[in-house]
């Protein structure tokens, strides 16, 4: 018996980038076994798809008794973001066990689009209303968007 093994790699002829999908067909004649496997490098793919997205997670702390007021101001900001170019997600929530902590999750086309949103009519006014009821410094961090529902 001839113990021969063949591997054939297929990819789109125009896609020579790292992480492109490849079809591998392997045949071992001594076992009469044929196997087809689709190899997909999700990490490279997700970076290609979402690499242009900018994410920001924020946490603001209201003075005692002012959590609902702060949340309301940020919901108004979320309404303004509906017209902001490049805004995909702007979600406002309060910590379940600590209502004076208000959290914001944002997804933008780019950091520049986020920065430009600060110049929308009404945004500076909302910031001016929120600042006096804050307790301490807000916390925030940037995130690399890799996927998820709503994108």
N, C-alpha and C. Protein backbone atom coordinates (compact mmCIF):
# COMPACT_ATOMS: atom_id res chain seq x y z
N UNK A 1 0.84 -1.19 0.00
CA UNK A 1 0.00 0.00 0.00
C UNK A 1 0.88 1.24 0.00
N UNK A 2 0.42 2.19 -0.75
CA UNK A 2 1.13 3.46 -0.86
C UNK A 2 0.60 4.39 0.23
N UNK A 3 1.47 4.87 1.07
CA UNK A 3 1.06 5.76 2.16
C UNK A 3 1.31 7.20 1.71
N UNK A 4 0.36 7.76 0.99
CA UNK A 4 0.50 9.09 0.41
C UNK A 4 -0.40 10.08 1.14
N UNK A 5 0.08 11.26 1.35
CA UNK A 5 -0.71 12.29 2.04
C UNK A 5 -0.61 13.58 1.23
N UNK A 6 -1.76 14.20 0.96
CA UNK A 6 -1.78 15.44 0.21
C UNK A 6 -2.47 16.52 1.02
N UNK A 7 -1.90 17.68 1.04
CA UNK A 7 -2.51 18.85 1.66
C UNK A 7 -2.65 19.92 0.59
N UNK A 8 -3.83 20.44 0.43
CA UNK A 8 -4.08 21.47 -0.55
C UNK A 8 -4.61 22.69 0.19
N UNK A 9 -4.02 23.84 -0.04
CA UNK A 9 -4.41 25.08 0.63
C UNK A 9 -5.09 25.98 -0.39
N UNK A 10 -6.26 26.46 -0.05
CA UNK A 10 -7.00 27.36 -0.92
C UNK A 10 -7.22 28.67 -0.19
N UNK A 11 -7.11 29.74 -0.90
CA UNK A 11 -7.53 31.04 -0.37
C UNK A 11 -7.93 31.89 -1.56
N UNK A 12 -8.64 32.95 -1.29
CA UNK A 12 -9.05 33.83 -2.38
C UNK A 12 -7.80 34.40 -3.02
N UNK A 13 -7.71 34.39 -4.36
CA UNK A 13 -6.47 34.82 -5.01
C UNK A 13 -6.09 36.27 -4.73
N UNK A 14 -7.07 37.11 -4.40
CA UNK A 14 -6.77 38.51 -4.13
C UNK A 14 -6.47 38.77 -2.66
N UNK A 15 -6.72 37.78 -1.80
CA UNK A 15 -6.49 37.96 -0.36
C UNK A 15 -5.25 37.20 0.05
N UNK A 16 -4.13 37.91 0.07
CA UNK A 16 -2.87 37.31 0.49
C UNK A 16 -2.50 37.75 1.89
N UNK A 17 -3.44 38.40 2.59
CA UNK A 17 -3.14 38.91 3.92
C UNK A 17 -3.08 37.79 4.94
N UNK A 18 -2.38 38.07 6.00
CA UNK A 18 -2.29 37.12 7.11
C UNK A 18 -3.67 36.93 7.71
N UNK A 19 -4.02 35.69 8.00
CA UNK A 19 -5.30 35.41 8.64
C UNK A 19 -6.42 35.12 7.67
N UNK A 20 -6.12 35.04 6.37
CA UNK A 20 -7.19 34.72 5.43
C UNK A 20 -7.58 33.25 5.61
N UNK A 21 -8.82 32.92 5.25
CA UNK A 21 -9.30 31.55 5.40
C UNK A 21 -8.62 30.64 4.39
N UNK A 22 -8.33 29.42 4.79
CA UNK A 22 -7.70 28.44 3.91
C UNK A 22 -8.46 27.12 4.06
N UNK A 23 -8.75 26.47 2.96
CA UNK A 23 -9.38 25.16 2.99
C UNK A 23 -8.29 24.12 2.86
N UNK A 24 -8.27 23.18 3.77
CA UNK A 24 -7.23 22.15 3.77
C UNK A 24 -7.91 20.82 3.50
N UNK A 25 -7.49 20.11 2.46
CA UNK A 25 -8.05 18.81 2.14
C UNK A 25 -6.92 17.80 2.30
N UNK A 26 -7.10 16.87 3.20
CA UNK A 26 -6.05 15.92 3.47
C UNK A 26 -6.59 14.52 3.17
N UNK A 27 -5.83 13.73 2.40
CA UNK A 27 -6.26 12.39 2.03
C UNK A 27 -5.14 11.41 2.32
N UNK A 28 -5.42 10.38 3.08
CA UNK A 28 -4.46 9.33 3.39
C UNK A 28 -5.01 8.05 2.77
N UNK A 29 -4.45 7.62 1.63
CA UNK A 29 -5.01 6.49 0.89
C UNK A 29 -4.89 5.17 1.64
N UNK A 30 -3.93 5.02 2.55
CA UNK A 30 -3.78 3.75 3.26
C UNK A 30 -4.95 3.52 4.21
N UNK A 31 -5.60 4.57 4.65
CA UNK A 31 -6.74 4.43 5.54
C UNK A 31 -8.06 4.72 4.83
N UNK A 32 -7.96 5.10 3.56
CA UNK A 32 -9.13 5.52 2.79
C UNK A 32 -9.93 6.56 3.56
N UNK A 33 -9.23 7.49 4.16
CA UNK A 33 -9.85 8.53 4.98
C UNK A 33 -9.71 9.86 4.27
N UNK A 34 -10.82 10.55 4.16
CA UNK A 34 -10.78 11.89 3.59
C UNK A 34 -11.31 12.84 4.64
N UNK A 35 -10.62 13.95 4.81
CA UNK A 35 -11.01 14.90 5.83
C UNK A 35 -10.92 16.29 5.24
N UNK A 36 -11.92 17.09 5.49
CA UNK A 36 -11.89 18.49 5.06
C UNK A 36 -12.00 19.34 6.31
N UNK A 37 -11.16 20.34 6.41
CA UNK A 37 -11.10 21.20 7.58
C UNK A 37 -11.05 22.64 7.12
N UNK A 38 -11.87 23.48 7.70
CA UNK A 38 -11.79 24.90 7.41
C UNK A 38 -11.01 25.54 8.56
N UNK A 39 -9.89 26.14 8.21
CA UNK A 39 -9.07 26.83 9.20
C UNK A 39 -9.38 28.31 9.10
N UNK A 40 -9.68 28.90 10.21
CA UNK A 40 -9.99 30.33 10.20
C UNK A 40 -9.30 30.98 11.38
N UNK A 41 -8.52 31.99 11.13
CA UNK A 41 -7.80 32.71 12.17
C UNK A 41 -8.68 33.86 12.65
N UNK A 42 -9.52 33.60 13.66
CA UNK A 42 -10.48 34.59 14.14
C UNK A 42 -9.79 35.84 14.66
N UNK A 43 -8.67 35.67 15.34
CA UNK A 43 -7.99 36.82 15.92
C UNK A 43 -7.58 37.82 14.84
N UNK A 44 -6.98 37.33 13.77
CA UNK A 44 -6.59 38.23 12.69
C UNK A 44 -7.81 38.83 12.02
N UNK A 45 -8.85 38.02 11.81
CA UNK A 45 -10.07 38.51 11.17
C UNK A 45 -10.72 39.61 11.99
N UNK A 46 -10.88 39.38 13.30
CA UNK A 46 -11.57 40.37 14.12
C UNK A 46 -10.77 41.67 14.17
N UNK A 47 -9.46 41.59 14.16
CA UNK A 47 -8.66 42.81 14.16
C UNK A 47 -8.87 43.58 12.86
N UNK A 48 -9.03 42.86 11.74
CA UNK A 48 -9.27 43.53 10.47
C UNK A 48 -10.62 44.24 10.49
N UNK A 49 -11.65 43.55 10.96
CA UNK A 49 -13.00 44.08 10.92
C UNK A 49 -13.18 45.24 11.89
N UNK A 50 -12.70 45.10 13.11
CA UNK A 50 -12.98 46.09 14.14
C UNK A 50 -11.81 47.00 14.48
N UNK A 51 -10.69 46.87 13.77
CA UNK A 51 -9.52 47.65 14.13
C UNK A 51 -9.76 49.15 14.00
N UNK A 52 -10.75 49.55 13.23
CA UNK A 52 -11.02 50.96 13.06
C UNK A 52 -11.97 51.49 14.14
N UNK A 53 -12.44 50.64 15.02
CA UNK A 53 -13.38 51.06 16.06
C UNK A 53 -12.62 51.47 17.33
N UNK A 54 -13.15 52.49 17.98
CA UNK A 54 -12.56 53.01 19.21
C UNK A 54 -13.58 52.81 20.33
N UNK A 55 -13.16 52.20 21.40
CA UNK A 55 -14.04 51.97 22.53
C UNK A 55 -13.59 52.75 23.75
N UNK A 56 -14.55 53.18 24.54
CA UNK A 56 -14.26 53.90 25.76
C UNK A 56 -15.23 53.44 26.84
N UNK A 57 -14.69 53.08 27.99
CA UNK A 57 -15.49 52.71 29.14
C UNK A 57 -15.26 53.77 30.21
N UNK A 58 -16.33 54.27 30.78
CA UNK A 58 -16.20 55.32 31.79
C UNK A 58 -17.04 55.03 33.02
N UNK A 59 -16.58 55.59 34.11
CA UNK A 59 -17.30 55.47 35.37
C UNK A 59 -17.23 56.82 36.06
N UNK A 60 -18.41 57.38 36.37
CA UNK A 60 -18.49 58.67 37.04
C UNK A 60 -19.15 58.47 38.39
N UNK A 61 -18.74 59.26 39.36
CA UNK A 61 -19.24 59.12 40.72
C UNK A 61 -19.98 60.40 41.10
N UNK A 62 -21.26 60.25 41.42
CA UNK A 62 -22.07 61.41 41.81
C UNK A 62 -21.98 61.62 43.31
N UNK A 63 -22.20 62.87 43.71
CA UNK A 63 -22.31 63.16 45.14
C UNK A 63 -23.51 62.40 45.70
N UNK A 64 -23.50 62.19 46.99
CA UNK A 64 -24.57 61.44 47.65
C UNK A 64 -25.93 62.03 47.28
N UNK A 65 -26.84 61.15 46.85
CA UNK A 65 -28.19 61.56 46.48
C UNK A 65 -28.32 62.15 45.09
N UNK A 66 -27.23 62.22 44.33
CA UNK A 66 -27.25 62.84 43.00
C UNK A 66 -27.06 61.84 41.86
N UNK A 67 -27.06 60.55 42.16
CA UNK A 67 -26.82 59.52 41.14
C UNK A 67 -27.85 59.53 40.02
N UNK A 68 -29.13 59.65 40.37
CA UNK A 68 -30.17 59.67 39.34
C UNK A 68 -30.08 60.93 38.48
N UNK A 69 -29.73 62.05 39.09
CA UNK A 69 -29.58 63.29 38.33
C UNK A 69 -28.43 63.18 37.33
N UNK A 70 -27.30 62.62 37.79
CA UNK A 70 -26.15 62.44 36.90
C UNK A 70 -26.51 61.48 35.76
N UNK A 71 -27.17 60.39 36.10
CA UNK A 71 -27.57 59.43 35.07
C UNK A 71 -28.49 60.10 34.04
N UNK A 72 -29.40 60.92 34.50
CA UNK A 72 -30.32 61.62 33.62
C UNK A 72 -29.58 62.56 32.66
N UNK A 73 -28.59 63.25 33.16
CA UNK A 73 -27.78 64.15 32.31
C UNK A 73 -27.06 63.33 31.24
N UNK A 74 -26.53 62.19 31.62
CA UNK A 74 -25.81 61.36 30.66
C UNK A 74 -26.74 60.70 29.65
N UNK A 75 -27.97 60.42 30.03
CA UNK A 75 -28.96 59.92 29.07
C UNK A 75 -29.29 61.02 28.05
N UNK A 76 -29.33 62.26 28.51
CA UNK A 76 -29.50 63.38 27.57
C UNK A 76 -28.31 63.43 26.59
N UNK A 77 -27.13 63.20 27.10
CA UNK A 77 -25.95 63.16 26.23
C UNK A 77 -26.07 62.03 25.22
N UNK A 78 -26.59 60.89 25.65
CA UNK A 78 -26.78 59.76 24.74
C UNK A 78 -27.73 60.13 23.60
N UNK A 79 -28.75 60.92 23.91
CA UNK A 79 -29.67 61.38 22.87
C UNK A 79 -28.94 62.25 21.85
N UNK A 80 -28.06 63.11 22.33
CA UNK A 80 -27.27 63.95 21.41
C UNK A 80 -26.34 63.11 20.54
N UNK A 81 -25.85 62.00 21.09
CA UNK A 81 -24.91 61.16 20.35
C UNK A 81 -25.58 60.43 19.18
N UNK A 82 -26.90 60.38 19.17
CA UNK A 82 -27.60 59.75 18.04
C UNK A 82 -27.30 60.47 16.74
N UNK A 83 -26.96 61.77 16.82
CA UNK A 83 -26.63 62.53 15.61
C UNK A 83 -25.12 62.70 15.43
N UNK A 84 -24.34 62.14 16.34
CA UNK A 84 -22.88 62.27 16.24
C UNK A 84 -22.34 61.34 15.16
N UNK A 85 -21.55 61.90 14.28
CA UNK A 85 -20.94 61.10 13.22
C UNK A 85 -19.96 60.11 13.84
N UNK A 86 -20.12 58.82 13.50
CA UNK A 86 -19.18 57.80 13.95
C UNK A 86 -19.52 57.14 15.27
N UNK A 87 -20.63 57.52 15.90
CA UNK A 87 -21.02 56.90 17.17
C UNK A 87 -21.88 55.66 16.89
N UNK A 88 -21.45 54.51 17.37
CA UNK A 88 -22.20 53.27 17.21
C UNK A 88 -22.96 52.91 18.47
N UNK A 89 -22.34 53.12 19.60
CA UNK A 89 -22.96 52.75 20.88
C UNK A 89 -22.61 53.80 21.92
N UNK A 90 -23.61 54.22 22.69
CA UNK A 90 -23.42 55.11 23.83
C UNK A 90 -24.45 54.67 24.87
N UNK A 91 -24.01 53.88 25.80
CA UNK A 91 -24.90 53.27 26.78
C UNK A 91 -24.60 53.83 28.16
N UNK A 92 -25.65 54.20 28.87
CA UNK A 92 -25.54 54.74 30.23
C UNK A 92 -26.22 53.76 31.18
N UNK A 93 -25.57 53.49 32.30
CA UNK A 93 -26.15 52.63 33.33
C UNK A 93 -25.67 53.02 34.70
N UNK A 94 -26.38 52.54 35.71
CA UNK A 94 -25.97 52.75 37.10
C UNK A 94 -25.62 51.41 37.71
N UNK A 95 -24.63 51.42 38.58
CA UNK A 95 -24.30 50.20 39.30
C UNK A 95 -25.50 49.79 40.13
N UNK A 96 -25.85 48.52 40.07
CA UNK A 96 -27.04 48.03 40.76
C UNK A 96 -26.96 48.25 42.27
N UNK A 97 -25.81 48.02 42.84
CA UNK A 97 -25.67 48.11 44.30
C UNK A 97 -25.20 49.48 44.78
N UNK A 98 -24.92 50.39 43.84
CA UNK A 98 -24.37 51.69 44.21
C UNK A 98 -24.83 52.72 43.19
N UNK A 99 -26.01 53.26 43.35
CA UNK A 99 -26.65 54.12 42.35
C UNK A 99 -25.92 55.43 42.10
N UNK A 100 -24.98 55.80 42.96
CA UNK A 100 -24.25 57.03 42.67
C UNK A 100 -23.09 56.80 41.70
N UNK A 101 -22.86 55.55 41.29
CA UNK A 101 -21.85 55.23 40.29
C UNK A 101 -22.55 55.02 38.95
N UNK A 102 -22.21 55.88 38.00
CA UNK A 102 -22.82 55.83 36.67
C UNK A 102 -21.75 55.40 35.67
N UNK A 103 -22.09 54.41 34.86
CA UNK A 103 -21.15 53.86 33.89
C UNK A 103 -21.58 54.19 32.47
N UNK A 104 -20.60 54.39 31.60
CA UNK A 104 -20.84 54.69 30.19
C UNK A 104 -20.00 53.74 29.35
N UNK A 105 -20.61 53.16 28.33
CA UNK A 105 -19.91 52.33 27.35
C UNK A 105 -20.11 52.98 25.98
N UNK A 106 -19.00 53.23 25.29
CA UNK A 106 -19.07 53.91 24.00
C UNK A 106 -18.27 53.14 22.95
N UNK A 107 -18.79 53.13 21.71
CA UNK A 107 -18.06 52.59 20.57
C UNK A 107 -18.18 53.60 19.44
N UNK A 108 -17.02 53.97 18.90
CA UNK A 108 -16.91 55.00 17.86
C UNK A 108 -16.10 54.47 16.69
N UNK A 109 -16.26 55.12 15.54
CA UNK A 109 -15.42 54.78 14.39
C UNK A 109 -13.95 55.06 14.69
N UNK A 110 -13.70 56.12 15.47
CA UNK A 110 -12.31 56.50 15.77
C UNK A 110 -12.29 57.39 17.00
N UNK A 111 -11.11 57.57 17.55
CA UNK A 111 -10.94 58.47 18.68
C UNK A 111 -11.26 59.91 18.25
N UNK A 112 -10.92 60.24 17.02
CA UNK A 112 -11.19 61.57 16.49
C UNK A 112 -12.70 61.84 16.45
N UNK A 113 -13.48 60.83 16.03
CA UNK A 113 -14.94 60.99 16.00
C UNK A 113 -15.48 61.24 17.41
N UNK A 114 -14.92 60.53 18.40
CA UNK A 114 -15.32 60.75 19.78
C UNK A 114 -15.00 62.19 20.19
N UNK A 115 -13.78 62.62 19.91
CA UNK A 115 -13.36 63.98 20.29
C UNK A 115 -14.22 65.04 19.62
N UNK A 116 -14.57 64.82 18.36
CA UNK A 116 -15.42 65.78 17.64
C UNK A 116 -16.81 65.88 18.26
N UNK A 117 -17.28 64.80 18.85
CA UNK A 117 -18.62 64.81 19.45
C UNK A 117 -18.71 65.80 20.61
N UNK A 118 -17.59 66.12 21.21
CA UNK A 118 -17.58 67.07 22.32
C UNK A 118 -17.94 68.48 21.86
N UNK A 119 -17.90 68.71 20.56
CA UNK A 119 -18.24 70.02 20.01
C UNK A 119 -19.67 70.11 19.49
N UNK A 120 -20.45 69.05 19.63
CA UNK A 120 -21.85 69.09 19.21
C UNK A 120 -22.62 70.09 20.05
N UNK A 121 -23.59 70.77 19.45
CA UNK A 121 -24.42 71.69 20.23
C UNK A 121 -25.09 70.98 21.41
N UNK A 122 -24.95 71.57 22.58
CA UNK A 122 -25.57 71.03 23.79
C UNK A 122 -24.66 70.19 24.66
N UNK A 123 -23.58 69.66 24.08
CA UNK A 123 -22.69 68.78 24.86
C UNK A 123 -21.98 69.54 25.97
N UNK A 124 -21.42 70.68 25.67
CA UNK A 124 -20.70 71.47 26.70
C UNK A 124 -21.65 71.89 27.82
N UNK A 125 -22.89 72.19 27.47
CA UNK A 125 -23.89 72.57 28.48
C UNK A 125 -24.15 71.40 29.43
N UNK A 126 -24.24 70.19 28.88
CA UNK A 126 -24.46 69.00 29.72
C UNK A 126 -23.25 68.74 30.62
N UNK A 127 -22.06 68.93 30.08
CA UNK A 127 -20.84 68.78 30.89
C UNK A 127 -20.87 69.78 32.03
N UNK A 128 -21.28 71.01 31.74
CA UNK A 128 -21.37 72.05 32.77
C UNK A 128 -22.39 71.71 33.85
N UNK A 129 -23.46 71.02 33.49
CA UNK A 129 -24.45 70.60 34.50
C UNK A 129 -23.96 69.42 35.33
N UNK A 130 -23.16 68.55 34.73
CA UNK A 130 -22.69 67.35 35.43
C UNK A 130 -21.53 67.63 36.40
N UNK A 131 -20.64 68.50 36.01
CA UNK A 131 -19.42 68.75 36.80
C UNK A 131 -19.69 69.08 38.28
N UNK A 132 -20.64 69.96 38.60
CA UNK A 132 -20.83 70.32 40.01
C UNK A 132 -21.38 69.19 40.89
N UNK A 133 -21.95 68.15 40.28
CA UNK A 133 -22.50 67.07 41.12
C UNK A 133 -21.59 65.83 41.14
N UNK A 134 -20.41 65.94 40.52
CA UNK A 134 -19.46 64.82 40.56
C UNK A 134 -18.71 64.79 41.88
N UNK A 135 -18.41 63.59 42.30
CA UNK A 135 -17.58 63.35 43.49
C UNK A 135 -16.29 62.71 43.01
N UNK A 136 -15.19 63.41 43.13
CA UNK A 136 -13.91 62.84 42.69
C UNK A 136 -13.77 62.85 41.17
N UNK A 137 -12.70 62.24 40.73
CA UNK A 137 -12.37 62.18 39.30
C UNK A 137 -13.07 61.00 38.63
N UNK A 138 -13.62 61.22 37.44
CA UNK A 138 -14.16 60.09 36.67
C UNK A 138 -13.04 59.12 36.32
N UNK A 139 -13.40 57.86 36.12
CA UNK A 139 -12.45 56.85 35.67
C UNK A 139 -12.82 56.47 34.25
N UNK A 140 -11.83 56.28 33.42
CA UNK A 140 -12.11 55.80 32.06
C UNK A 140 -10.91 55.06 31.51
N UNK A 141 -11.18 54.21 30.54
CA UNK A 141 -10.10 53.52 29.84
C UNK A 141 -10.57 53.19 28.43
N UNK A 142 -9.61 53.19 27.51
CA UNK A 142 -9.87 52.85 26.12
C UNK A 142 -9.83 51.34 25.95
N UNK A 143 -10.61 50.84 25.01
CA UNK A 143 -10.63 49.41 24.74
C UNK A 143 -10.52 49.18 23.23
N UNK A 144 -9.88 48.07 22.86
CA UNK A 144 -9.84 47.63 21.47
C UNK A 144 -11.09 46.81 21.22
N UNK A 145 -11.91 47.22 20.28
CA UNK A 145 -13.15 46.53 19.99
C UNK A 145 -12.84 45.29 19.14
N UNK A 146 -13.25 44.11 19.60
CA UNK A 146 -13.00 42.87 18.86
C UNK A 146 -14.28 42.21 18.38
N UNK A 147 -15.44 42.76 18.75
CA UNK A 147 -16.69 42.20 18.26
C UNK A 147 -17.77 42.26 19.31
N UNK A 148 -18.96 41.81 18.93
CA UNK A 148 -20.06 41.75 19.87
C UNK A 148 -21.37 42.14 19.23
N UNK A 149 -22.45 41.88 19.93
CA UNK A 149 -23.81 42.20 19.51
C UNK A 149 -23.95 43.70 19.38
N UNK A 150 -24.57 44.15 18.33
CA UNK A 150 -24.82 45.57 18.14
C UNK A 150 -23.81 46.28 17.26
N UNK A 151 -22.78 45.58 16.86
CA UNK A 151 -21.76 46.23 16.00
C UNK A 151 -21.96 45.82 14.56
